[in-house]
Structure formats: structure tokens, C-alpha cells
Amino acid sequence: MRKTIAVLMLTTVMFAAASPARAQQPIKIPRIGYLFANFPTTSPARREAFRQGLRELGYVEGKNIVIEYRYAEGKFDRLPALAAAVTILTER
């Protein structure tokens, strides 16, 4: 009888000491703001070089990083507002 009580107490202590399972926290995916002064069609090679550089560092757009693209379309006075918008988006 004493042995049974001791085993039950030991089992209870072991279960109580074990940490409860926690729900996995969602992984926060990094976001980069890409701000360019011209049109999207102006420099696809530059944009692709940017993506390639990220891939070399282990970042793949749509997989483990998000890139927010904004273009001023030659209207340089739009750059401050676009920069502010990109900042807000990347802080999510």
C-alpha cells in the first residue's frame, strides 16, 4: 500500500513539474520596404539584383520575407509620403 501511494505521489509530482504545452507563436516574417523614384518598368534588372542578393543571404520573397514595393513614378515630391507609408507597412 505504501509503495502504491509513493508511486502515485511521484507520478503526480512529475506531471505537475512538467511544463504545460503551449501553442506555437506565429513566426513573424520580416518585411522590407522597397522605395524607388521611377516607374516599376524602369529597372527590372536592379529589382532582380536586389532579390538575388536577398536569396544569397537566405531570404526568398514570399517564403521567408515580404517586400513592399512603392514607386514615385518620377514625381519626387511623392517620395516622403511613400517612405512614410512603407515605414508603417514594415512595422506590422
C-alpha atoms as a PDB file:
ATOM      1  CA  MET A   1       0.000   0.000   0.000  1.00  0.00           C
ATOM      2  CA  ARG A   2       2.786   2.403   0.917  1.00  0.00           C
ATOM      3  CA  LYS A   3       4.596   1.558  -2.290  1.00  0.00           C
ATOM      4  CA  THR A   4       1.470   2.334  -4.347  1.00  0.00           C
ATOM      5  CA  ILE A   5       0.996   5.690  -2.590  1.00  0.00           C
ATOM      6  CA  ALA A   6       4.657   6.560  -3.130  1.00  0.00           C
ATOM      7  CA  VAL A   7       4.413   5.740  -6.852  1.00  0.00           C
ATOM      8  CA  LEU A   8       1.229   7.807  -7.176  1.00  0.00           C
ATOM      9  CA  MET A   9       2.824  10.751  -5.382  1.00  0.00           C
ATOM     10  CA  LEU A  10       5.952  10.528  -7.518  1.00  0.00           C
ATOM     11  CA  THR A  11       3.860  10.360 -10.692  1.00  0.00           C
ATOM     12  CA  THR A  12       1.788  13.355  -9.573  1.00  0.00           C
ATOM     13  CA  VAL A  13       4.905  15.390  -8.826  1.00  0.00           C
ATOM     14  CA  MET A  14       6.409  14.519 -12.208  1.00  0.00           C
ATOM     15  CA  PHE A  15       3.256  15.608 -14.068  1.00  0.00           C
ATOM     16  CA  ALA A  16       2.989  18.798 -12.031  1.00  0.00           C
ATOM     17  CA  ALA A  17       6.619  19.673 -12.684  1.00  0.00           C
ATOM     18  CA  ALA A  18       6.333  19.212 -16.443  1.00  0.00           C
ATOM     19  CA  SER A  19       5.662  22.475 -18.234  1.00  0.00           C
ATOM     20  CA  PRO A  20       2.290  22.651 -19.947  1.00  0.00           C
ATOM     21  CA  ALA A  21       2.263  22.549 -23.735  1.00  0.00           C
ATOM     22  CA  ARG A  22       1.972  25.995 -25.230  1.00  0.00           C
ATOM     23  CA  ALA A  23       0.526  26.985 -28.557  1.00  0.00           C
ATOM     24  CA  GLN A  24       3.184  27.867 -31.096  1.00  0.00           C
ATOM     25  CA  GLN A  25       3.573  31.565 -31.620  1.00  0.00           C
ATOM     26  CA  PRO A  26       3.199  32.633 -35.244  1.00  0.00           C
ATOM     27  CA  ILE A  27       6.533  33.332 -36.865  1.00  0.00           C
ATOM     28  CA  LYS A  28       6.983  36.996 -37.669  1.00  0.00           C
ATOM     29  CA  ILE A  29       8.113  37.277 -41.277  1.00  0.00           C
ATOM     30  CA  PRO A  30      10.476  40.196 -41.953  1.00  0.00           C
ATOM     31  CA  ARG A  31       9.176  42.948 -44.242  1.00  0.00           C
ATOM     32  CA  ILE A  32      11.324  45.225 -46.372  1.00  0.00           C
ATOM     33  CA  GLY A  33      10.161  48.478 -47.901  1.00  0.00           C
ATOM     34  CA  TYR A  34      11.488  48.952 -51.466  1.00  0.00           C
ATOM     35  CA  LEU A  35      11.147  52.600 -52.466  1.00  0.00           C
ATOM     36  CA  PHE A  36      12.143  53.701 -55.954  1.00  0.00           C
ATOM     37  CA  ALA A  37      11.931  57.134 -57.560  1.00  0.00           C
ATOM     38  CA  ASN A  38      10.983  55.958 -61.069  1.00  0.00           C
ATOM     39  CA  PHE A  39       8.427  53.609 -62.659  1.00  0.00           C
ATOM     40  CA  PRO A  40       8.322  49.860 -61.949  1.00  0.00           C
ATOM     41  CA  THR A  41       9.297  49.156 -65.569  1.00  0.00           C
ATOM     42  CA  THR A  42      12.382  51.396 -65.400  1.00  0.00           C
ATOM     43  CA  SER A  43      14.809  48.979 -63.798  1.00  0.00           C
ATOM     44  CA  PRO A  44      13.685  45.355 -63.585  1.00  0.00           C
ATOM     45  CA  ALA A  45      17.350  44.291 -63.580  1.00  0.00           C
ATOM     46  CA  ARG A  46      18.031  46.344 -60.450  1.00  0.00           C
ATOM     47  CA  ARG A  47      14.971  44.883 -58.712  1.00  0.00           C
ATOM     48  CA  GLU A  48      16.036  41.358 -59.664  1.00  0.00           C
ATOM     49  CA  ALA A  49      19.586  42.013 -58.441  1.00  0.00           C
ATOM     50  CA  PHE A  50      18.087  43.116 -55.120  1.00  0.00           C
ATOM     51  CA  ARG A  51      16.082  39.876 -54.889  1.00  0.00           C
ATOM     52  CA  GLN A  52      19.140  37.828 -55.865  1.00  0.00           C
ATOM     53  CA  GLY A  53      21.181  39.467 -53.123  1.00  0.00           C
ATOM     54  CA  LEU A  54      18.479  38.577 -50.619  1.00  0.00           C
ATOM     55  CA  ARG A  55      18.392  34.974 -51.889  1.00  0.00           C
ATOM     56  CA  GLU A  56      22.160  34.731 -51.385  1.00  0.00           C
ATOM     57  CA  LEU A  57      21.532  35.699 -47.764  1.00  0.00           C
ATOM     58  CA  GLY A  58      18.864  33.006 -47.436  1.00  0.00           C
ATOM     59  CA  TYR A  59      15.779  35.182 -47.930  1.00  0.00           C
ATOM     60  CA  VAL A  60      13.211  34.166 -50.538  1.00  0.00           C
ATOM     61  CA  GLU A  61      10.416  36.597 -51.337  1.00  0.00           C
ATOM     62  CA  GLY A  62       7.049  35.093 -50.451  1.00  0.00           C
ATOM     63  CA  LYS A  63       8.645  32.321 -48.396  1.00  0.00           C
ATOM     64  CA  ASN A  64      10.525  33.903 -45.501  1.00  0.00           C
ATOM     65  CA  ILE A  65      10.454  37.608 -46.357  1.00  0.00           C
ATOM     66  CA  VAL A  66       7.918  40.124 -47.699  1.00  0.00           C
ATOM     67  CA  ILE A  67       8.925  43.073 -49.858  1.00  0.00           C
ATOM     68  CA  GLU A  68       6.625  46.086 -50.048  1.00  0.00           C
ATOM     69  CA  TYR A  69       7.235  47.874 -53.373  1.00  0.00           C
ATOM     70  CA  ARG A  70       6.439  51.568 -53.824  1.00  0.00           C
ATOM     71  CA  TYR A  71       7.296  53.718 -56.831  1.00  0.00           C
ATOM     72  CA  ALA A  72       7.220  57.525 -57.088  1.00  0.00           C
ATOM     73  CA  GLU A  73       6.885  57.304 -60.894  1.00  0.00           C
ATOM     74  CA  GLY A  74       9.222  60.246 -61.422  1.00  0.00           C
ATOM     75  CA  LYS A  75       7.297  62.509 -59.040  1.00  0.00           C
ATOM     76  CA  PHE A  76       9.996  63.155 -56.466  1.00  0.00           C
ATOM     77  CA  ASP A  77       7.647  65.141 -54.233  1.00  0.00           C
ATOM     78  CA  ARG A  78       5.818  61.828 -53.571  1.00  0.00           C
ATOM     79  CA  LEU A  79       8.895  60.206 -52.022  1.00  0.00           C
ATOM     80  CA  PRO A  80       8.360  61.437 -48.421  1.00  0.00           C
ATOM     81  CA  ALA A  81       4.755  60.170 -48.350  1.00  0.00           C
ATOM     82  CA  LEU A  82       5.738  56.854 -49.904  1.00  0.00           C
ATOM     83  CA  ALA A  83       8.572  56.468 -47.402  1.00  0.00           C
ATOM     84  CA  ALA A  84       6.149  57.110 -44.546  1.00  0.00           C
ATOM     85  CA  ALA A  85       3.693  54.563 -45.977  1.00  0.00           C
ATOM     86  CA  VAL A  86       6.418  51.939 -46.376  1.00  0.00           C
ATOM     87  CA  THR A  87       7.572  52.580 -42.801  1.00  0.00           C
ATOM     88  CA  ILE A  88       4.069  51.964 -41.479  1.00  0.00           C
ATOM     89  CA  LEU A  89       3.697  48.787 -43.569  1.00  0.00           C
ATOM     90  CA  THR A  90       7.029  47.341 -42.487  1.00  0.00           C
ATOM     91  CA  GLU A  91       6.298  47.928 -38.806  1.00  0.00           C
ATOM     92  CA  ARG A  92       3.397  45.458 -38.847  1.00  0.00           C
END
